């Protein structure tokens, strides 16, 4: 992973962005020697958001199952049939 100082980002934003788009490798931005932010390609960020949404849905389903909040197939089919009418 590439690391850039925030001052370099200010001075060379166009070059850094061009490198980011060509390599698609995230860049860690540091301020005063400490990590401050990640700079990522837009397409990669959107892909990560989509994956996170899917994983959150799976986690909600697992929690619901553990708490006993689920229906068997027949009950689910019946409830769905009523909802679709």
PDB file of N, CA and C in Angstrom:
ATOM      1  N   UNK A   1       0.853  -1.176   0.000  1.00  0.00           N
ATOM      2  CA  UNK A   1       0.000   0.000   0.000  1.00  0.00           C
ATOM      3  C   UNK A   1       0.897   1.237   0.000  1.00  0.00           C
ATOM      4  N   UNK A   2       0.517   2.183  -0.797  1.00  0.00           N
ATOM      5  CA  UNK A   2       1.265   3.418  -0.905  1.00  0.00           C
ATOM      6  C   UNK A   2       0.874   4.356   0.240  1.00  0.00           C
ATOM      7  N   UNK A   3       1.835   5.112   0.733  1.00  0.00           N
ATOM      8  CA  UNK A   3       1.588   6.081   1.803  1.00  0.00           C
ATOM      9  C   UNK A   3       2.017   7.455   1.299  1.00  0.00           C
ATOM     10  N   UNK A   4       1.174   8.444   1.525  1.00  0.00           N
ATOM     11  CA  UNK A   4       1.467   9.820   1.116  1.00  0.00           C
ATOM     12  C   UNK A   4       1.204  10.767   2.270  1.00  0.00           C
ATOM     13  N   UNK A   5       2.028  11.784   2.369  1.00  0.00           N
ATOM     14  CA  UNK A   5       1.797  12.852   3.331  1.00  0.00           C
ATOM     15  C   UNK A   5       0.661  13.734   2.817  1.00  0.00           C
ATOM     16  N   UNK A   6      -0.101  14.298   3.718  1.00  0.00           N
ATOM     17  CA  UNK A   6      -1.196  15.176   3.311  1.00  0.00           C
ATOM     18  C   UNK A   6      -0.651  16.381   2.543  1.00  0.00           C
ATOM     19  N   UNK A   7       0.550  16.844   2.884  1.00  0.00           N
ATOM     20  CA  UNK A   7       1.132  17.976   2.145  1.00  0.00           C
ATOM     21  C   UNK A   7       1.438  17.591   0.708  1.00  0.00           C
ATOM     22  N   UNK A   8       1.877  16.340   0.491  1.00  0.00           N
ATOM     23  CA  UNK A   8       2.105  15.877  -0.884  1.00  0.00           C
ATOM     24  C   UNK A   8       0.789  15.813  -1.652  1.00  0.00           C
ATOM     25  N   UNK A   9      -0.275  15.387  -0.975  1.00  0.00           N
ATOM     26  CA  UNK A   9      -1.585  15.338  -1.621  1.00  0.00           C
ATOM     27  C   UNK A   9      -2.016  16.733  -2.050  1.00  0.00           C
ATOM     28  N   UNK A  10      -1.780  17.709  -1.196  1.00  0.00           N
ATOM     29  CA  UNK A  10      -2.141  19.092  -1.537  1.00  0.00           C
ATOM     30  C   UNK A  10      -1.359  19.593  -2.741  1.00  0.00           C
ATOM     31  N   UNK A  11      -0.078  19.247  -2.797  1.00  0.00           N
ATOM     32  CA  UNK A  11       0.796  19.765  -3.859  1.00  0.00           C
ATOM     33  C   UNK A  11       0.681  18.974  -5.163  1.00  0.00           C
ATOM     34  N   UNK A  12       0.420  17.686  -5.057  1.00  0.00           N
ATOM     35  CA  UNK A  12       0.484  16.820  -6.237  1.00  0.00           C
ATOM     36  C   UNK A  12      -0.798  16.011  -6.424  1.00  0.00           C
ATOM     37  N   UNK A  13      -1.925  16.609  -6.143  1.00  0.00           N
ATOM     38  CA  UNK A  13      -3.200  15.879  -6.180  1.00  0.00           C
ATOM     39  C   UNK A  13      -3.446  15.217  -7.536  1.00  0.00           C
ATOM     40  N   UNK A  14      -3.213  15.925  -8.619  1.00  0.00           N
ATOM     41  CA  UNK A  14      -3.483  15.379  -9.948  1.00  0.00           C
ATOM     42  C   UNK A  14      -2.638  14.140 -10.221  1.00  0.00           C
ATOM     43  N   UNK A  15      -1.348  14.202  -9.900  1.00  0.00           N
ATOM     44  CA  UNK A  15      -0.456  13.068 -10.113  1.00  0.00           C
ATOM     45  C   UNK A  15      -0.845  11.898  -9.214  1.00  0.00           C
ATOM     46  N   UNK A  16      -1.126  12.169  -7.949  1.00  0.00           N
ATOM     47  CA  UNK A  16      -1.488  11.118  -7.010  1.00  0.00           C
ATOM     48  C   UNK A  16      -2.787  10.439  -7.444  1.00  0.00           C
ATOM     49  N   UNK A  17      -3.758  11.227  -7.883  1.00  0.00           N
ATOM     50  CA  UNK A  17      -5.019  10.649  -8.365  1.00  0.00           C
ATOM     51  C   UNK A  17      -4.801   9.819  -9.626  1.00  0.00           C
ATOM     52  N   UNK A  18      -3.951  10.279 -10.517  1.00  0.00           N
ATOM     53  CA  UNK A  18      -3.657   9.514 -11.732  1.00  0.00           C
ATOM     54  C   UNK A  18      -3.025   8.174 -11.374  1.00  0.00           C
ATOM     55  N   UNK A  19      -2.078   8.195 -10.424  1.00  0.00           N
ATOM     56  CA  UNK A  19      -1.451   6.952  -9.967  1.00  0.00           C
ATOM     57  C   UNK A  19      -2.482   6.020  -9.328  1.00  0.00           C
ATOM     58  N   UNK A  20      -3.381   6.604  -8.545  1.00  0.00           N
ATOM     59  CA  UNK A  20      -4.427   5.828  -7.885  1.00  0.00           C
ATOM     60  C   UNK A  20      -5.307   5.130  -8.914  1.00  0.00           C
ATOM     61  N   UNK A  21      -5.728   5.859  -9.936  1.00  0.00           N
ATOM     62  CA  UNK A  21      -6.615   5.287 -10.947  1.00  0.00           C
ATOM     63  C   UNK A  21      -5.911   4.216 -11.772  1.00  0.00           C
ATOM     64  N   UNK A  22      -4.622   4.388 -12.013  1.00  0.00           N
ATOM     65  CA  UNK A  22      -3.915   3.377 -12.815  1.00  0.00           C
ATOM     66  C   UNK A  22      -3.578   2.136 -12.000  1.00  0.00           C
ATOM     67  N   UNK A  23      -3.191   2.301 -10.733  1.00  0.00           N
ATOM     68  CA  UNK A  23      -2.816   1.143  -9.914  1.00  0.00           C
ATOM     69  C   UNK A  23      -4.002   0.543  -9.169  1.00  0.00           C
ATOM     70  N   UNK A  24      -5.021   1.359  -8.901  1.00  0.00           N
ATOM     71  CA  UNK A  24      -6.208   0.969  -8.125  1.00  0.00           C
ATOM     72  C   UNK A  24      -5.835   0.472  -6.726  1.00  0.00           C
ATOM     73  N   UNK A  25      -4.659   0.888  -6.271  1.00  0.00           N
ATOM     74  CA  UNK A  25      -4.192   0.529  -4.938  1.00  0.00           C
ATOM     75  C   UNK A  25      -4.512   1.674  -3.981  1.00  0.00           C
ATOM     76  N   UNK A  26      -5.177   1.385  -2.852  1.00  0.00           N
ATOM     77  CA  UNK A  26      -5.497   2.451  -1.891  1.00  0.00           C
ATOM     78  C   UNK A  26      -4.239   3.176  -1.430  1.00  0.00           C
ATOM     79  N   UNK A  27      -4.402   4.430  -1.088  1.00  0.00           N
ATOM     80  CA  UNK A  27      -3.292   5.251  -0.600  1.00  0.00           C
ATOM     81  C   UNK A  27      -3.636   5.705   0.814  1.00  0.00           C
ATOM     82  N   UNK A  28      -2.724   5.460   1.733  1.00  0.00           N
ATOM     83  CA  UNK A  28      -2.890   5.918   3.105  1.00  0.00           C
ATOM     84  C   UNK A  28      -2.355   7.337   3.197  1.00  0.00           C
ATOM     85  N   UNK A  29      -3.196   8.264   3.628  1.00  0.00           N
ATOM     86  CA  UNK A  29      -2.798   9.665   3.798  1.00  0.00           C
ATOM     87  C   UNK A  29      -2.451   9.865   5.266  1.00  0.00           C
ATOM     88  N   UNK A  30      -1.282  10.452   5.507  1.00  0.00           N
ATOM     89  CA  UNK A  30      -0.860  10.694   6.883  1.00  0.00           C
ATOM     90  C   UNK A  30      -0.765  12.189   7.165  1.00  0.00           C
ATOM     91  N   UNK A  31      -1.049  12.532   8.416  1.00  0.00           N
ATOM     92  CA  UNK A  31      -0.880  13.900   8.920  1.00  0.00           C
ATOM     93  C   UNK A  31      -0.035  13.816  10.176  1.00  0.00           C
ATOM     94  N   UNK A  32       1.034  14.587  10.216  1.00  0.00           N
ATOM     95  CA  UNK A  32       1.925  14.617  11.378  1.00  0.00           C
ATOM     96  C   UNK A  32       2.405  13.209  11.740  1.00  0.00           C
ATOM     97  N   UNK A  33       2.658  12.397  10.714  1.00  0.00           N
ATOM     98  CA  UNK A  33       3.182  11.061  10.921  1.00  0.00           C
ATOM     99  C   UNK A  33       2.167  10.017  11.347  1.00  0.00           C
ATOM    100  N   UNK A  34       0.902  10.399  11.397  1.00  0.00           N
ATOM    101  CA  UNK A  34      -0.140   9.462  11.833  1.00  0.00           C
ATOM    102  C   UNK A  34      -1.140   9.218  10.707  1.00  0.00           C
ATOM    103  N   UNK A  35      -1.666   7.994  10.611  1.00  0.00           N
ATOM    104  CA  UNK A  35      -2.687   7.714   9.587  1.00  0.00           C
ATOM    105  C   UNK A  35      -3.893   8.629   9.760  1.00  0.00           C
ATOM    106  N   UNK A  36      -4.375   9.176   8.651  1.00  0.00           N
ATOM    107  CA  UNK A  36      -5.495  10.111   8.709  1.00  0.00           C
ATOM    108  C   UNK A  36      -6.678   9.658   7.857  1.00  0.00           C
ATOM    109  N   UNK A  37      -6.395   9.121   6.672  1.00  0.00           N
ATOM    110  CA  UNK A  37      -7.471   8.729   5.768  1.00  0.00           C
ATOM    111  C   UNK A  37      -6.924   7.797   4.693  1.00  0.00           C
ATOM    112  N   UNK A  38      -7.835   7.082   4.055  1.00  0.00           N
ATOM    113  CA  UNK A  38      -7.484   6.278   2.888  1.00  0.00           C
ATOM    114  C   UNK A  38      -8.084   6.939   1.661  1.00  0.00           C
ATOM    115  N   UNK A  39      -7.331   6.945   0.599  1.00  0.00           N
ATOM    116  CA  UNK A  39      -7.798   7.438  -0.682  1.00  0.00           C
ATOM    117  C   UNK A  39      -7.970   6.210  -1.569  1.00  0.00           C
ATOM    118  N   UNK A  40      -9.210   5.981  -2.036  1.00  0.00           N
ATOM    119  CA  UNK A  40      -9.488   4.799  -2.854  1.00  0.00           C
ATOM    120  C   UNK A  40     -10.207   5.203  -4.135  1.00  0.00           C
ATOM    121  N   UNK A  41     -10.066   4.377  -5.148  1.00  0.00           N
ATOM    122  CA  UNK A  41     -10.737   4.582  -6.421  1.00  0.00           C
ATOM    123  C   UNK A  41     -12.257   4.505  -6.221  1.00  0.00           C
ATOM    124  N   UNK A  42     -13.011   5.303  -6.944  1.00  0.00           N
ATOM    125  CA  UNK A  42     -14.463   5.363  -6.792  1.00  0.00           C
ATOM    126  C   UNK A  42     -15.111   4.005  -7.039  1.00  0.00           C
ATOM    127  N   UNK A  43     -14.722   3.316  -8.092  1.00  0.00           N
ATOM    128  CA  UNK A  43     -15.321   2.007  -8.399  1.00  0.00           C
ATOM    129  C   UNK A  43     -15.037   1.000  -7.289  1.00  0.00           C
ATOM    130  N   UNK A  44     -13.808   1.034  -6.759  1.00  0.00           N
ATOM    131  CA  UNK A  44     -13.464   0.126  -5.657  1.00  0.00           C
ATOM    132  C   UNK A  44     -14.277   0.453  -4.414  1.00  0.00           C
ATOM    133  N   UNK A  45     -14.470   1.735  -4.141  1.00  0.00           N
ATOM    134  CA  UNK A  45     -15.259   2.143  -2.972  1.00  0.00           C
ATOM    135  C   UNK A  45     -16.704   1.666  -3.105  1.00  0.00           C
ATOM    136  N   UNK A  46     -17.304   1.850  -4.281  1.00  0.00           N
ATOM    137  CA  UNK A  46     -18.683   1.409  -4.509  1.00  0.00           C
ATOM    138  C   UNK A  46     -18.792  -0.110  -4.347  1.00  0.00           C
ATOM    139  N   UNK A  47     -17.806  -0.833  -4.842  1.00  0.00           N
ATOM    140  CA  UNK A  47     -17.799  -2.285  -4.710  1.00  0.00           C
ATOM    141  C   UNK A  47     -17.717  -2.688  -3.233  1.00  0.00           C
ATOM    142  N   UNK A  48     -16.871  -2.006  -2.465  1.00  0.00           N
ATOM    143  CA  UNK A  48     -16.763  -2.296  -1.033  1.00  0.00           C
ATOM    144  C   UNK A  48     -18.072  -1.998  -0.306  1.00  0.00           C
ATOM    145  N   UNK A  49     -18.737  -0.905  -0.677  1.00  0.00           N
ATOM    146  CA  UNK A  49     -20.019  -0.574  -0.056  1.00  0.00           C
ATOM    147  C   UNK A  49     -21.055  -1.658  -0.343  1.00  0.00           C
ATOM    148  N   UNK A  50     -21.099  -2.134  -1.570  1.00  0.00           N
ATOM    149  CA  UNK A  50     -22.051  -3.190  -1.940  1.00  0.00           C
ATOM    150  C   UNK A  50     -21.775  -4.475  -1.165  1.00  0.00           C
ATOM    151  N   UNK A  51     -20.491  -4.842  -1.074  1.00  0.00           N
ATOM    152  CA  UNK A  51     -20.137  -6.043  -0.320  1.00  0.00           C
ATOM    153  C   UNK A  51     -20.508  -5.901   1.150  1.00  0.00           C
ATOM    154  N   UNK A  52     -20.273  -4.718   1.717  1.00  0.00           N
ATOM    155  CA  UNK A  52     -20.597  -4.484   3.117  1.00  0.00           C
ATOM    156  C   UNK A  52     -22.100  -4.592   3.347  1.00  0.00           C
ATOM    157  N   UNK A  53     -22.883  -4.087   2.429  1.00  0.00           N
ATOM    158  CA  UNK A  53     -24.336  -4.171   2.534  1.00  0.00           C
ATOM    159  C   UNK A  53     -24.799  -5.627   2.544  1.00  0.00           C
ATOM    160  N   UNK A  54     -24.220  -6.435   1.682  1.00  0.00           N
ATOM    161  CA  UNK A  54     -24.565  -7.856   1.635  1.00  0.00           C
ATOM    162  C   UNK A  54     -24.184  -8.543   2.947  1.00  0.00           C
ATOM    163  N   UNK A  55     -22.993  -8.265   3.439  1.00  0.00           N
ATOM    164  CA  UNK A  55     -22.544  -8.882   4.693  1.00  0.00           C
ATOM    165  C   UNK A  55     -23.408  -8.453   5.880  1.00  0.00           C
ATOM    166  N   UNK A  56     -23.848  -7.189   5.887  1.00  0.00           N
ATOM    167  CA  UNK A  56     -24.732  -6.718   6.961  1.00  0.00           C
ATOM    168  C   UNK A  56     -26.077  -7.446   6.907  1.00  0.00           C
ATOM    169  N   UNK A  57     -26.585  -7.684   5.704  1.00  0.00           N
ATOM    170  CA  UNK A  57     -27.832  -8.434   5.552  1.00  0.00           C
ATOM    171  C   UNK A  57     -27.695  -9.862   6.056  1.00  0.00           C
ATOM    172  N   UNK A  58     -26.584 -10.484   5.749  1.00  0.00           N
ATOM    173  CA  UNK A  58     -26.335 -11.850   6.235  1.00  0.00           C
ATOM    174  C   UNK A  58     -26.269 -11.847   7.761  1.00  0.00           C
ATOM    175  N   UNK A  59     -25.582 -10.865   8.333  1.00  0.00           N
ATOM    176  CA  UNK A  59     -25.466 -10.786   9.797  1.00  0.00           C
ATOM    177  C   UNK A  59     -26.838 -10.594  10.447  1.00  0.00           C
ATOM    178  N   UNK A  60     -27.692  -9.755   9.841  1.00  0.00           N
ATOM    179  CA  UNK A  60     -29.046  -9.565  10.374  1.00  0.00           C
ATOM    180  C   UNK A  60     -29.833 -10.869  10.324  1.00  0.00           C
ATOM    181  N   UNK A  61     -29.678 -11.625   9.234  1.00  0.00           N
ATOM    182  CA  UNK A  61     -30.366 -12.907   9.107  1.00  0.00           C
ATOM    183  C   UNK A  61     -29.887 -13.912  10.138  1.00  0.00           C
ATOM    184  N   UNK A  62     -28.585 -13.947  10.375  1.00  0.00           N
ATOM    185  CA  UNK A  62     -28.049 -14.861  11.386  1.00  0.00           C
ATOM    186  C   UNK A  62     -28.551 -14.499  12.776  1.00  0.00           C
ATOM    187  N   UNK A  63     -28.604 -13.211  13.067  1.00  0.00           N
ATOM    188  CA  UNK A  63     -29.109 -12.759  14.366  1.00  0.00           C
ATOM    189  C   UNK A  63     -30.572 -13.132  14.530  1.00  0.00           C
ATOM    190  N   UNK A  64     -31.364 -12.905  13.490  1.00  0.00           N
ATOM    191  CA  UNK A  64     -32.783 -13.250  13.548  1.00  0.00           C
ATOM    192  C   UNK A  64     -32.957 -14.745  13.781  1.00  0.00           C
ATOM    193  N   UNK A  65     -32.160 -15.552  13.111  1.00  0.00           N
ATOM    194  CA  UNK A  65     -32.252 -17.005  13.283  1.00  0.00           C
ATOM    195  C   UNK A  65     -31.906 -17.401  14.713  1.00  0.00           C
ATOM    196  N   UNK A  66     -30.814 -16.824  15.246  1.00  0.00           N
ATOM    197  CA  UNK A  66     -30.395 -17.136  16.617  1.00  0.00           C
ATOM    198  C   UNK A  66     -31.457 -16.728  17.639  1.00  0.00           C
ATOM    199  N   UNK A  67     -32.215 -15.671  17.321  1.00  0.00           N
ATOM    200  CA  UNK A  67     -33.266 -15.194  18.225  1.00  0.00           C
ATOM    201  C   UNK A  67     -34.599 -15.894  17.975  1.00  0.00           C
ATOM    202  N   UNK A  68     -34.612 -16.827  17.040  1.00  0.00           N
ATOM    203  CA  UNK A  68     -35.837 -17.581  16.761  1.00  0.00           C
ATOM    204  C   UNK A  68     -36.844 -16.824  15.916  1.00  0.00           C
ATOM    205  N   UNK A  69     -36.415 -15.754  15.251  1.00  0.00           N
ATOM    206  CA  UNK A  69     -37.326 -14.978  14.411  1.00  0.00           C
ATOM    207  C   UNK A  69     -37.232 -15.473  12.968  1.00  0.00           C
ATOM    208  N   UNK A  70     -37.882 -16.593  12.698  1.00  0.00           N
ATOM    209  CA  UNK A  70     -37.910 -17.138  11.346  1.00  0.00           C
ATOM    210  C   UNK A  70     -39.188 -17.946  11.169  1.00  0.00           C
ATOM    211  N   UNK A  71     -39.517 -18.249   9.923  1.00  0.00           N
ATOM    212  CA  UNK A  71     -40.706 -19.035   9.590  1.00  0.00           C
ATOM    213  C   UNK A  71     -40.268 -20.295   8.857  1.00  0.00           C
ATOM    214  N   UNK A  72     -41.060 -21.364   9.022  1.00  0.00           N
ATOM    215  CA  UNK A  72     -40.782 -22.542   8.203  1.00  0.00           C
ATOM    216  C   UNK A  72     -41.296 -22.257   6.788  1.00  0.00           C
ATOM    217  N   UNK A  73     -40.995 -23.147   5.865  1.00  0.00           N
ATOM    218  CA  UNK A  73     -41.322 -22.914   4.454  1.00  0.00           C
ATOM    219  C   UNK A  73     -42.822 -22.713   4.231  1.00  0.00           C
ATOM    220  N   UNK A  74     -43.630 -23.570   4.822  1.00  0.00           N
ATOM    221  CA  UNK A  74     -45.083 -23.494   4.614  1.00  0.00           C
ATOM    222  C   UNK A  74     -45.646 -22.169   5.140  1.00  0.00           C
ATOM    223  N   UNK A  75     -45.225 -21.752   6.340  1.00  0.00           N
ATOM    224  CA  UNK A  75     -45.718 -20.498   6.910  1.00  0.00           C
ATOM    225  C   UNK A  75     -45.247 -19.294   6.085  1.00  0.00           C
ATOM    226  N   UNK A  76     -44.017 -19.343   5.636  1.00  0.00           N
ATOM    227  CA  UNK A  76     -43.493 -18.247   4.822  1.00  0.00           C
ATOM    228  C   UNK A  76     -44.255 -18.153   3.497  1.00  0.00           C
ATOM    229  N   UNK A  77     -44.531 -19.303   2.891  1.00  0.00           N
ATOM    230  CA  UNK A  77     -45.269 -19.342   1.622  1.00  0.00           C
ATOM    231  C   UNK A  77     -46.673 -18.776   1.796  1.00  0.00           C
ATOM    232  N   UNK A  78     -47.321 -19.141   2.897  1.00  0.00           N
ATOM    233  CA  UNK A  78     -48.663 -18.649   3.181  1.00  0.00           C
ATOM    234  C   UNK A  78     -48.659 -17.129   3.409  1.00  0.00           C
ATOM    235  N   UNK A  79     -47.733 -16.667   4.182  1.00  0.00           N
ATOM    236  CA  UNK A  79     -47.646 -15.232   4.484  1.00  0.00           C
ATOM    237  C   UNK A  79     -47.346 -14.440   3.205  1.00  0.00           C
ATOM    238  N   UNK A  80     -46.465 -14.945   2.373  1.00  0.00           N
ATOM    239  CA  UNK A  80     -46.136 -14.283   1.133  1.00  0.00           C
ATOM    240  C   UNK A  80     -47.318 -14.250   0.177  1.00  0.00           C
ATOM    241  N   UNK A  81     -48.062 -15.339   0.121  1.00  0.00           N
ATOM    242  CA  UNK A  81     -49.247 -15.406  -0.743  1.00  0.00           C
ATOM    243  C   UNK A  81     -50.269 -14.357  -0.340  1.00  0.00           C
ATOM    244  N   UNK A  82     -50.464 -14.159   0.962  1.00  0.00           N
ATOM    245  CA  UNK A  82     -51.387 -13.134   1.446  1.00  0.00           C
ATOM    246  C   UNK A  82     -50.874 -11.741   1.084  1.00  0.00           C
ATOM    247  N   UNK A  83     -49.606 -11.552   1.206  1.00  0.00           N
ATOM    248  CA  UNK A  83     -48.993 -10.241   0.935  1.00  0.00           C
ATOM    249  C   UNK A  83     -49.083  -9.889  -0.543  1.00  0.00           C
ATOM    250  N   UNK A  84     -48.979 -10.889  -1.413  1.00  0.00           N
ATOM    251  CA  UNK A  84     -48.993 -10.650  -2.858  1.00  0.00           C
ATOM    252  C   UNK A  84     -50.389 -10.424  -3.421  1.00  0.00           C
ATOM    253  N   UNK A  85     -51.430 -10.762  -2.654  1.00  0.00           N
ATOM    254  CA  UNK A  85     -52.812 -10.590  -3.151  1.00  0.00           C
ATOM    255  C   UNK A  85     -53.200  -9.151  -3.213  1.00  0.00           C
TER     256      UNK A  85
END
